[in-house]
Protein backbone atom coordinates (compact mmCIF):
# COMPACT_ATOMS: atom_id res chain seq x y z
CA UNK A 1 124.96 103.37 72.98
CA UNK A 2 122.46 103.51 76.29
CA UNK A 3 119.98 105.84 76.37
CA UNK A 4 118.03 107.45 78.94
CA UNK A 5 114.80 107.64 79.83
CA UNK A 6 113.94 110.97 81.68
CA UNK A 7 110.93 110.16 84.95
CA UNK A 8 108.65 112.84 84.70
CA UNK A 9 107.04 112.85 87.89
CA UNK A 10 103.74 114.42 88.43
CA UNK A 11 102.49 113.64 91.92
CA UNK A 12 102.25 117.22 93.21
CA UNK A 13 100.62 118.21 89.80
CA UNK A 14 98.39 115.41 88.47
CA UNK A 15 98.28 113.24 91.45
CA UNK A 16 97.16 116.10 93.88
CA UNK A 17 94.29 116.35 91.40
CA UNK A 18 92.66 113.01 92.40
CA UNK A 19 90.01 113.77 94.11
CA UNK A 20 90.18 114.63 98.36
CA UNK A 21 93.58 115.15 98.37
CA UNK A 22 94.75 118.70 99.61
CA UNK A 23 98.73 118.55 100.36
CA UNK A 24 99.90 121.81 101.91
CA UNK A 25 103.20 122.97 101.51
CA UNK A 26 105.34 121.90 103.69
CA UNK A 27 103.19 118.43 102.95
CA UNK A 28 104.73 119.32 99.32
CA UNK A 29 108.07 120.10 100.07
CA UNK A 30 108.77 116.45 102.39
CA UNK A 31 107.29 115.00 99.36
CA UNK A 32 109.15 116.70 96.61
CA UNK A 33 112.08 115.86 99.10
CA UNK A 34 111.96 111.95 98.33
CA UNK A 35 111.51 112.77 94.91
CA UNK A 36 114.75 113.92 94.67
CA UNK A 37 115.64 111.20 96.82
CA UNK A 38 114.36 108.57 93.85
CA UNK A 39 115.88 110.39 91.50
CA UNK A 40 113.68 111.57 88.95
CA UNK A 41 114.44 114.00 86.56
CA UNK A 42 111.64 116.20 86.37
CA UNK A 43 109.22 117.44 89.23
CA UNK A 44 105.97 119.15 88.33
CA UNK A 45 105.55 120.97 91.81
CA UNK A 46 102.13 122.51 90.60
CA UNK A 47 100.07 124.66 88.84
CA UNK A 48 100.74 128.60 90.17
CA UNK A 49 97.97 130.29 88.73
CA UNK A 50 95.55 127.83 90.16
CA UNK A 51 95.87 129.20 94.14
CA UNK A 52 97.75 131.04 96.31
CA UNK A 53 98.66 128.08 97.90
CA UNK A 54 100.07 126.54 94.73
CA UNK A 55 102.16 129.49 94.01
CA UNK A 56 103.38 129.20 97.33
CA UNK A 57 104.09 125.49 97.07
CA UNK A 58 106.27 125.62 93.42
CA UNK A 59 108.32 128.40 94.71
CA UNK A 60 109.01 126.47 98.02
CA UNK A 61 110.15 123.49 96.10
CA UNK A 62 112.05 125.53 93.12
CA UNK A 63 114.06 126.96 95.99
CA UNK A 64 114.36 124.40 98.00
CA UNK A 65 114.79 121.13 96.13
CA UNK A 66 118.10 120.98 93.99
CA UNK A 67 118.79 118.14 91.44
CA UNK A 68 115.60 117.59 89.34
CA UNK A 69 114.45 120.18 87.40
CA UNK A 70 111.35 122.34 89.05
CA UNK A 71 108.39 122.67 86.60
CA UNK A 72 105.10 124.91 86.67
CA UNK A 73 102.20 124.14 84.50
CA UNK A 74 100.79 126.99 82.50
CA UNK A 75 98.43 127.98 80.26
CA UNK A 76 98.69 129.51 77.29
CA UNK A 77 97.72 132.50 79.07
CA UNK A 78 100.21 135.25 78.86
CA UNK A 79 99.64 136.21 82.11
CA UNK A 80 99.84 132.64 83.45
CA UNK A 81 103.35 132.19 81.75
CA UNK A 82 104.55 135.44 83.71
CA UNK A 83 102.82 133.58 86.75
CA UNK A 84 104.90 130.24 86.38
CA UNK A 85 108.13 132.18 86.06
CA UNK A 86 107.34 133.56 88.96
CA UNK A 87 107.00 131.02 91.13
CA UNK A 88 110.03 129.21 89.11
CA UNK A 89 112.59 131.67 88.84
CA UNK A 90 115.09 130.91 91.82
CA UNK A 91 115.08 127.23 90.53
CA UNK A 92 118.66 125.45 89.81
CA UNK A 93 117.15 124.45 86.86
CA UNK A 94 113.55 125.62 85.77
CA UNK A 95 110.90 124.33 82.90
CA UNK A 96 107.57 125.84 81.57
CA UNK A 97 105.38 123.54 80.54
CA UNK A 98 102.70 125.37 78.47
CA UNK A 99 99.27 123.55 77.57
CA UNK A 100 96.39 124.30 75.42
CA UNK A 101 93.30 121.65 74.26
CA UNK A 102 93.40 120.59 70.36
CA UNK A 103 90.54 118.31 70.41
CA UNK A 104 87.28 119.04 68.47
CA UNK A 105 85.27 117.71 71.51
CA UNK A 106 87.66 120.16 74.10
CA UNK A 107 87.79 123.44 71.17
CA UNK A 108 83.93 123.24 71.01
CA UNK A 109 83.19 122.93 74.57
CA UNK A 110 85.49 124.50 76.55
CA UNK A 111 87.63 127.01 74.92
CA UNK A 112 85.39 127.92 72.08
CA UNK A 113 88.10 128.49 69.96
CA UNK A 114 88.86 127.20 66.26
CA UNK A 115 92.44 125.36 65.69
CA UNK A 116 94.06 129.12 63.82
CA UNK A 117 93.25 130.51 67.24
CA UNK A 118 94.79 127.28 68.93
CA UNK A 119 97.75 127.66 66.46
CA UNK A 120 98.33 131.34 67.41
CA UNK A 121 97.72 131.16 71.15
CA UNK A 122 100.70 128.06 71.31
CA UNK A 123 102.82 130.22 69.46
CA UNK A 124 102.67 133.10 71.61
CA UNK A 125 102.75 131.80 75.09
CA UNK A 126 105.63 129.33 73.69
CA UNK A 127 107.69 132.47 73.12
CA UNK A 128 106.86 134.15 76.30
CA UNK A 129 107.64 131.30 78.61
CA UNK A 130 111.08 130.93 75.87
CA UNK A 131 112.36 134.65 76.94
CA UNK A 132 112.51 133.26 80.74
CA UNK A 133 114.37 130.11 80.26
CA UNK A 134 115.34 127.39 77.33
CA UNK A 135 113.51 124.60 78.69
CA UNK A 136 110.01 124.79 77.38
CA UNK A 137 107.16 121.89 76.67
CA UNK A 138 104.17 122.10 75.14
CA UNK A 139 101.24 119.91 75.48
CA UNK A 140 98.07 119.39 73.41
CA UNK A 141 95.34 118.72 75.99
CA UNK A 142 93.64 115.26 74.15
CA UNK A 143 95.88 114.53 71.76
CA UNK A 144 94.50 111.26 71.33
CA UNK A 145 91.52 112.67 69.99
CA UNK A 146 92.87 115.27 67.97
CA UNK A 147 92.83 115.05 64.02
CA UNK A 148 96.38 113.79 63.06
CA UNK A 149 97.11 116.62 60.79
CA UNK A 150 96.10 119.49 63.23
CA UNK A 151 98.37 117.73 65.82
CA UNK A 152 101.04 117.35 64.06
CA UNK A 153 100.38 121.54 62.58
CA UNK A 154 100.44 122.28 66.36
CA UNK A 155 103.37 120.72 67.35
CA UNK A 156 105.41 122.20 64.66
CA UNK A 157 104.23 125.47 65.46
CA UNK A 158 105.13 124.79 69.57
CA UNK A 159 108.44 123.54 67.77
CA UNK A 160 109.58 126.55 66.07
CA UNK A 161 108.38 129.24 68.59
CA UNK A 162 111.34 127.40 70.64
CA UNK A 163 109.51 124.25 72.50
CA UNK A 164 112.20 121.53 73.71
CA UNK A 165 109.78 119.10 74.83
CA UNK A 166 106.71 118.24 73.00
CA UNK A 167 104.19 116.09 75.44
CA UNK A 168 101.66 113.67 73.93
CA UNK A 169 98.43 113.41 76.23
CA UNK A 170 96.25 110.80 76.68
CA UNK A 171 94.61 112.92 78.81
CA UNK A 172 91.06 110.94 78.95
CA UNK A 173 92.85 107.43 78.60
CA UNK A 174 91.44 106.95 74.79
CA UNK A 175 94.57 105.61 73.50
CA UNK A 176 95.09 101.55 72.80
CA UNK A 177 98.95 100.94 73.25
CA UNK A 178 99.46 100.19 69.25
CA UNK A 179 97.52 103.36 68.51
CA UNK A 180 99.39 105.51 70.86
CA UNK A 181 103.24 103.75 69.75
CA UNK A 182 102.08 104.77 65.92
CA UNK A 183 101.29 108.38 67.26
CA UNK A 184 104.83 108.84 68.80
CA UNK A 185 106.14 107.09 65.94
CA UNK A 186 104.04 109.69 63.97
CA UNK A 187 105.04 112.66 65.40
CA UNK A 188 109.20 111.90 65.46
CA UNK A 189 108.81 111.43 61.94
CA UNK A 190 107.02 114.37 60.74
CA UNK A 191 107.64 116.95 63.09
CA UNK A 192 111.40 118.30 62.76
CA UNK A 193 113.65 120.36 64.89
CA UNK A 194 115.51 119.42 68.55
CA UNK A 195 112.98 118.30 70.94
CA UNK A 196 112.86 115.56 72.99
CA UNK A 197 109.24 113.83 72.89
CA UNK A 198 106.91 112.82 76.17
CA UNK A 199 104.38 110.53 76.78
CA UNK A 200 101.51 111.50 79.56
CA UNK A 201 98.74 108.80 79.78
CA UNK A 202 95.86 108.03 81.71
CA UNK A 203 94.78 104.87 83.63
CA UNK A 204 90.73 105.46 82.33
CA UNK A 205 91.09 101.80 80.52
CA UNK A 206 93.27 100.49 82.60
CA UNK A 207 96.18 100.66 79.71
CA UNK A 208 98.52 104.01 81.33
CA UNK A 209 101.87 101.80 81.43
CA UNK A 210 101.16 100.09 78.74
CA UNK A 211 100.77 103.50 76.08
CA UNK A 212 103.81 105.27 78.04
CA UNK A 213 105.68 102.04 77.19
CA UNK A 214 104.70 101.65 73.58
CA UNK A 215 105.63 105.58 73.25
CA UNK A 216 109.16 104.66 74.90
CA UNK A 217 109.76 101.57 72.10
CA UNK A 218 108.42 104.55 69.54
CA UNK A 219 111.05 106.75 71.10
CA UNK A 220 109.68 109.19 73.60
CA UNK A 221 112.94 109.66 75.91
CA UNK A 222 110.65 111.60 78.91
CA UNK A 223 107.93 109.79 80.57
CA UNK A 224 105.17 111.81 82.19
CA UNK A 225 103.88 109.86 86.33
CA UNK A 226 102.69 109.51 89.30
CA UNK A 227 103.47 108.02 92.69
CA UNK A 228 101.07 105.50 92.60
CA UNK A 229 99.47 106.02 89.56
CA UNK A 230 97.65 108.50 91.53
CA UNK A 231 96.04 111.84 89.32
CA UNK A 232 93.03 112.88 87.69
CA UNK A 233 89.67 110.01 87.78
CA UNK A 234 91.63 106.90 87.47
CA UNK A 235 94.91 107.98 87.24
CA UNK A 236 98.71 108.21 85.65
CA UNK A 237 100.40 105.89 84.88
CA UNK A 238 102.47 104.38 88.07
CA UNK A 239 105.66 105.27 88.52
CA UNK A 240 106.83 102.36 89.96
CA UNK A 241 105.50 100.05 87.08
CA UNK A 242 106.85 102.14 84.40
CA UNK A 243 110.24 102.06 86.06
CA UNK A 244 110.45 98.66 86.75
CA UNK A 245 109.11 97.63 83.44
CA UNK A 246 112.17 99.20 81.68
CA UNK A 247 114.06 97.36 84.23
CA UNK A 248 113.42 94.22 84.41
CA UNK A 249 112.46 93.58 80.23
CA UNK A 250 115.48 94.65 79.18
CA UNK A 251 115.08 91.92 76.18
CA UNK A 252 112.61 94.63 74.75
CA UNK A 253 114.03 98.00 75.89
CA UNK A 254 118.18 97.19 75.17
CA UNK A 255 120.19 99.72 76.73
CA UNK A 256 117.25 102.03 77.53
CA UNK A 257 117.50 102.83 81.31
CA UNK A 258 116.70 105.36 84.30
CA UNK A 259 118.22 107.54 86.90
CA UNK A 260 115.61 106.18 89.27
CA UNK A 261 117.16 104.64 92.59
CA UNK A 262 114.52 101.67 92.81
CA UNK A 263 115.56 100.95 95.81
CA UNK A 264 114.25 104.05 97.50
CA UNK A 265 110.02 103.17 95.65
CA UNK A 266 108.23 101.48 98.27
CA UNK A 267 109.47 104.51 101.17
CA UNK A 268 108.41 106.46 98.33
CA UNK A 269 104.72 104.95 97.68
CA UNK A 270 104.43 104.85 101.68
CA UNK A 271 104.64 108.35 102.24
CA UNK A 272 102.30 109.70 99.27
CA UNK A 273 100.15 107.53 100.46
CA UNK A 274 100.02 108.53 104.28
CA UNK A 275 100.55 112.29 103.43
CA UNK A 276 97.84 112.21 100.75
CA UNK A 277 95.78 109.53 102.44
CA UNK A 278 94.89 107.76 99.17
CA UNK A 279 95.56 104.03 100.48
CA UNK A 280 97.61 101.59 98.33
CA UNK A 281 96.02 98.75 96.52
CA UNK A 282 96.40 95.55 98.28
CA UNK A 283 97.65 93.83 94.64
CA UNK A 284 99.21 97.36 93.59
CA UNK A 285 102.29 96.02 91.21
CA UNK A 286 105.09 96.59 92.91
CA UNK A 287 104.62 98.32 96.09
CA UNK A 288 101.07 96.89 96.88
CA UNK A 289 101.18 94.47 100.29
CA UNK A 290 100.80 91.77 98.33
CA UNK A 291 103.26 92.15 95.75
CA UNK A 292 105.80 89.78 96.84
CA UNK A 293 103.43 87.91 99.49
CA UNK A 294 102.62 83.86 98.32
CA UNK A 295 99.73 81.82 99.83
CA UNK A 296 99.57 79.21 97.10
CA UNK A 297 101.00 75.81 97.68
CA UNK A 298 102.44 75.84 94.18
CA UNK A 299 103.74 78.95 94.68
CA UNK A 300 105.33 78.69 98.01
CA UNK A 301 107.22 75.29 97.30
CA UNK A 302 108.34 77.69 93.78
CA UNK A 303 109.58 80.15 95.73
CA UNK A 304 111.31 78.07 98.32
CA UNK A 305 113.45 76.76 96.08
CA UNK A 306 114.46 79.87 93.98
CA UNK A 307 112.75 83.56 94.20
CA UNK A 308 112.78 83.65 90.01
CA UNK A 309 110.17 80.92 89.47
CA UNK A 310 107.12 83.14 90.70
CA UNK A 311 109.06 86.72 91.58
CA UNK A 312 110.56 88.25 88.88
CA UNK A 313 111.53 91.15 90.43
CA UNK A 314 114.04 91.34 93.27
CA UNK A 315 112.08 92.40 96.20
CA UNK A 316 115.31 94.43 97.40
CA UNK A 317 115.66 96.19 94.70
CA UNK A 318 112.37 98.12 95.52
CA UNK A 319 112.92 98.41 98.84
CA UNK A 320 110.64 95.11 100.07
CA UNK A 321 111.30 92.03 101.51
CA UNK A 322 110.51 88.89 98.47
CA UNK A 323 109.36 85.25 99.36
CA UNK A 324 107.02 86.17 102.02
CA UNK A 325 105.04 82.82 102.95
CA UNK A 326 101.51 83.34 103.84
CA UNK A 327 99.98 80.00 105.74
CA UNK A 328 96.28 79.66 104.46
CA UNK A 329 93.93 77.30 103.05
CA UNK A 330 95.85 77.10 99.56
CA UNK A 331 99.23 76.65 101.19
CA UNK A 332 100.97 73.28 100.93
CA UNK A 333 103.62 71.25 102.51
CA UNK A 334 106.35 72.37 101.65
CA UNK A 335 105.44 76.60 103.00
CA UNK A 336 104.01 74.91 106.08
CA UNK A 337 107.18 72.59 106.74
CA UNK A 338 109.27 75.66 106.38
CA UNK A 339 107.63 77.41 108.56
CA UNK A 340 107.45 75.50 111.54
CA UNK A 341 111.12 74.38 110.72
CA UNK A 342 111.53 78.52 111.23
CA UNK A 343 109.54 78.45 114.95
CA UNK A 344 112.06 75.94 115.76
CA UNK A 345 110.05 72.96 114.70
CA UNK A 346 111.64 70.18 112.99
CA UNK A 347 108.81 66.95 112.14
CA UNK A 348 108.87 64.63 109.65
CA UNK A 349 106.99 61.61 108.13
CA UNK A 350 103.47 60.68 109.49
CA UNK A 351 103.71 63.24 112.64
CA UNK A 352 104.04 65.91 109.65
CA UNK A 353 101.57 64.61 107.46
CA UNK A 354 98.60 64.53 110.54
CA UNK A 355 99.97 68.41 111.81
CA UNK A 356 99.36 69.11 107.94
CA UNK A 357 95.89 67.61 107.95
CA UNK A 358 95.29 69.63 111.28
CA UNK A 359 96.24 72.40 109.59
CA UNK A 360 94.47 72.51 106.17
CA UNK A 361 91.33 71.45 108.66
CA UNK A 362 92.11 74.75 110.40
CA UNK A 363 92.69 76.63 107.31
CA UNK A 364 88.87 76.33 105.90
CA UNK A 365 87.76 77.44 108.92
CA UNK A 366 90.20 80.94 109.28
CA UNK A 367 91.67 83.15 106.47
CA UNK A 368 95.08 83.49 107.77
CA UNK A 369 97.07 80.75 110.20
CA UNK A 370 99.07 82.79 113.33
CA UNK A 371 102.17 81.03 114.94
CA UNK A 372 100.00 80.51 117.82
CA UNK A 373 97.41 78.36 115.90
CA UNK A 374 100.43 76.11 114.40
CA UNK A 375 102.06 75.71 118.45
CA UNK A 376 98.60 74.22 118.85
CA UNK A 377 98.27 71.81 116.08
CA UNK A 378 102.40 70.70 116.82
CA UNK A 379 101.26 70.45 120.23
CA UNK A 380 97.87 67.93 120.36
CA UNK A 381 99.90 65.84 117.45
CA UNK A 382 103.15 65.39 119.95
CA UNK A 383 100.78 64.93 122.68
CA UNK A 384 102.61 67.77 124.47
CA UNK A 385 101.48 70.72 125.84
CA UNK A 386 102.83 74.57 125.17
CA UNK A 387 104.39 76.35 128.00
CA UNK A 388 100.70 78.28 128.88
CA UNK A 389 102.40 81.03 130.56
CA UNK A 390 100.50 83.53 132.31
CA UNK A 391 96.99 82.86 133.36
CA UNK A 392 94.30 85.40 134.85
CA UNK A 393 93.25 84.78 137.91
CA UNK A 394 91.14 87.70 138.81
CA UNK A 395 89.98 90.92 137.27
CA UNK A 396 88.35 94.06 139.09
CA UNK A 397 87.93 96.98 137.53
CA UNK A 398 86.58 100.20 139.05
CA UNK A 399 85.77 104.01 137.96
CA UNK A 400 83.43 106.82 136.63
CA UNK A 401 82.41 109.88 135.41
CA UNK A 402 84.55 111.43 138.32
CA UNK A 403 87.45 108.79 138.38
CA UNK A 404 89.76 108.07 136.52
CA UNK A 405 89.78 104.02 136.17
CA UNK A 406 91.77 101.70 138.16
CA UNK A 407 91.95 98.04 137.53
CA UNK A 408 93.41 94.82 139.90
CA UNK A 409 94.43 91.77 138.52
CA UNK A 410 95.76 88.56 139.53
CA UNK A 411 98.44 86.43 137.43
CA UNK A 412 99.64 83.29 137.95
CA UNK A 413 102.18 81.16 136.18
CA UNK A 414 103.57 77.62 137.36
CA UNK A 415 101.67 78.51 141.08
CA UNK A 416 103.27 81.34 141.59
CA UNK A 417 100.59 84.07 141.63
CA UNK A 418 101.42 87.99 140.90
CA UNK A 419 98.93 91.03 141.94
CA UNK A 420 99.34 94.45 139.95
CA UNK A 421 96.67 97.64 140.41
CA UNK A 422 96.69 100.15 137.86
CA UNK A 423 94.82 103.05 136.61
CA UNK A 424 94.80 104.22 132.99
CA UNK A 425 92.55 106.47 130.35
CA UNK A 426 89.77 104.30 130.21
CA UNK A 427 88.92 100.81 131.63
CA UNK A 428 90.36 98.62 129.12
CA UNK A 429 93.74 101.00 129.15
CA UNK A 430 94.08 100.27 132.93
CA UNK A 431 93.48 96.43 132.94
CA UNK A 432 96.07 96.20 130.39
CA UNK A 433 98.46 98.90 132.08
CA UNK A 434 97.47 96.44 135.15
CA UNK A 435 98.70 93.11 133.22
CA UNK A 436 101.83 94.94 132.45
CA UNK A 437 102.85 95.48 135.69
CA UNK A 438 102.07 91.95 137.30
CA UNK A 439 103.98 90.25 134.54
CA UNK A 440 106.94 92.27 134.03
CA UNK A 441 106.41 92.40 130.34
CA UNK A 442 107.31 96.05 128.61
CA UNK A 443 105.16 95.94 125.07
CA UNK A 444 103.70 98.87 123.04
CA UNK A 445 100.06 98.40 121.92
CA UNK A 446 100.44 98.89 117.80
CA UNK A 447 96.81 97.80 117.61
CA UNK A 448 93.41 96.95 118.53
CA UNK A 449 90.24 95.68 117.41
CA UNK A 450 86.97 94.58 118.70
CA UNK A 451 83.84 92.69 117.30
CA UNK A 452 80.51 90.73 118.20
CA UNK A 453 81.14 86.97 117.65
CA UNK A 454 77.27 86.30 117.23
CA UNK A 455 74.02 88.78 117.58
CA UNK A 456 71.85 89.36 120.77
CA UNK A 457 72.44 91.25 123.14
CA UNK A 458 74.57 88.48 125.40
CA UNK A 459 76.97 87.59 122.16
CA UNK A 460 80.57 87.41 122.58
CA UNK A 461 83.02 90.20 122.17
CA UNK A 462 86.08 88.76 119.53
CA UNK A 463 89.04 91.15 120.56
CA UNK A 464 92.43 91.05 118.90
CA UNK A 465 95.20 92.92 120.33
CA UNK A 466 98.44 93.49 118.50
CA UNK A 467 101.96 94.30 120.52
CA UNK A 468 105.15 95.16 119.81
CA UNK A 469 108.79 94.05 121.85
CA UNK A 470 111.94 94.92 121.00
CA UNK A 471 112.17 93.01 117.44
CA UNK A 472 108.82 91.41 118.23
CA UNK A 473 104.95 91.63 117.48
CA UNK A 474 102.61 89.33 118.34
CA UNK A 475 99.16 89.60 118.47
CA UNK A 476 96.62 87.98 121.27
CA UNK A 477 92.73 87.32 121.08
CA UNK A 478 90.36 87.35 124.23
CA UNK A 479 86.33 86.51 124.33
CA UNK A 480 84.42 87.44 126.88
CA UNK A 481 80.81 88.65 127.51
CA UNK A 482 82.15 91.29 128.98
CA UNK A 483 84.67 93.38 126.52
CA UNK A 484 86.66 94.55 129.43
CA UNK A 485 87.49 91.41 129.94
CA UNK A 486 87.78 90.20 126.61
CA UNK A 487 90.51 92.72 126.04
CA UNK A 488 92.20 91.73 129.00
CA UNK A 489 92.50 87.78 128.07
CA UNK A 490 94.09 89.21 124.85
CA UNK A 491 96.60 91.45 126.12
CA UNK A 492 97.39 88.43 128.46
CA UNK A 493 97.58 86.19 125.48
CA UNK A 494 99.79 88.16 123.38
CA UNK A 495 101.74 88.64 126.51
CA UNK A 496 102.45 85.11 126.91
CA UNK A 497 103.53 84.62 123.13
CA UNK A 498 106.01 87.22 123.98
CA UNK A 499 106.99 84.99 126.87
CA UNK A 500 107.65 81.88 124.57
CA UNK A 501 109.39 83.54 121.72
CA UNK A 502 112.21 84.84 123.83
CA UNK A 503 111.93 81.56 125.74
CA UNK A 504 112.81 80.06 121.86
CA UNK A 505 115.17 82.73 121.34
CA UNK A 506 117.24 81.62 124.57
CA UNK A 507 117.03 77.89 124.53
CA UNK A 508 116.94 76.94 120.88
CA UNK A 509 114.98 74.20 120.94
CA UNK A 510 115.88 70.21 120.17
CA UNK A 511 114.08 68.79 116.44
CA UNK A 512 111.75 66.78 116.93
CA UNK A 513 111.27 63.90 114.69
CA UNK A 514 108.27 61.93 113.74
CA UNK A 515 108.64 57.95 113.59
């Protein structure tokens, strides 16, 4: 029989405890709506007693989010439990999550309590929570550093008092996968009653996902996770990694499944990253920028022949694009030829060999090769020129503190000159607007970067500009000791690429073959 593994998302509670993250009510609601769309089973909305803001956020999510169980965290203080329920009362389905530390370290240095006092606190708090809702979760904080006999005793008292979920937290990321799996199996075997077992693993040793999956193998049927692996210190088990491991390795997990709509994973990841301000690691599993990128020639050859050679996850199933080829010094002939083919060039034989040799020479000097670089290589090897497009013949920029900057440009193409004048927010903006008027190419500036090629007062300014026009996205580069002129040249360079792309779309390039 297929068994479901419930996904308990704590991005809005444990995830928000990451240093530097502070979400307001509207931001929490936006994330909660996306989590509901993603299909998680439980949303831990916050810690209501922590602050007025946390209380209001939990209450707003309880009132407005439908589908998932809405969970509030509570210490064992009875006033905390009462406050937690006040925030959750309007939810369609609500759960109170009660926790207390159980490890000797925490009892000695934080709670100043005995084992017996912890038992009594647990019984009282779970019983109080049960008066409000039938859905009560209990967590013995720092379970992996708690003596097993005492851990089993407090868990049994929690179940006897009404807990329906027992969460085993590896609060400080101390556990090893084999240890953690054995702990889950021991709880399942020794604690009697009707309850589900949950895992909550931190990543201090980089093992949060491994420990969580080990727990699932041992019988846990709920996993507590955060989007992008957010959370205290090194973070929590990553939602996207746990879900895709269960989905991908059916040979290991059999008929276990989740209700997560995996196509929403990438969108959820981007939203959380944007609202929290925490960037996604480039090589982050499943949702990282490089997760489906290939630069190595051997890898590129493989995925071009068949995606499954190097991609174990079907990229569209997580909302991504697969088989993304990046040309660089590690790229091989197959990727080089395939990219040229997509650009409209069909070359082979000695011509392909010589072009590939030139490409490798350039790749040793540049991290990433652009389409314009490839055009230049092909043009050089063919002995033919690519349409140079517009040329900047004249640029004059005036303005000051009391006058809006104005730029006058003259550009030429095929011997025909075009002149235009425009104003802007600054000298660079004015120059770009004038070029836009002169060329008639409507584009949106999406990126701008300026750097120095060399040191010293006479250093060359190196400007890179990204433009977007319709579905075309291009970049342009300009060099000059005057940063305004360098910017204008970069902008015009990008415009010329748009013109070339449009021309190629309108008049398909005839195949060119070598000898």
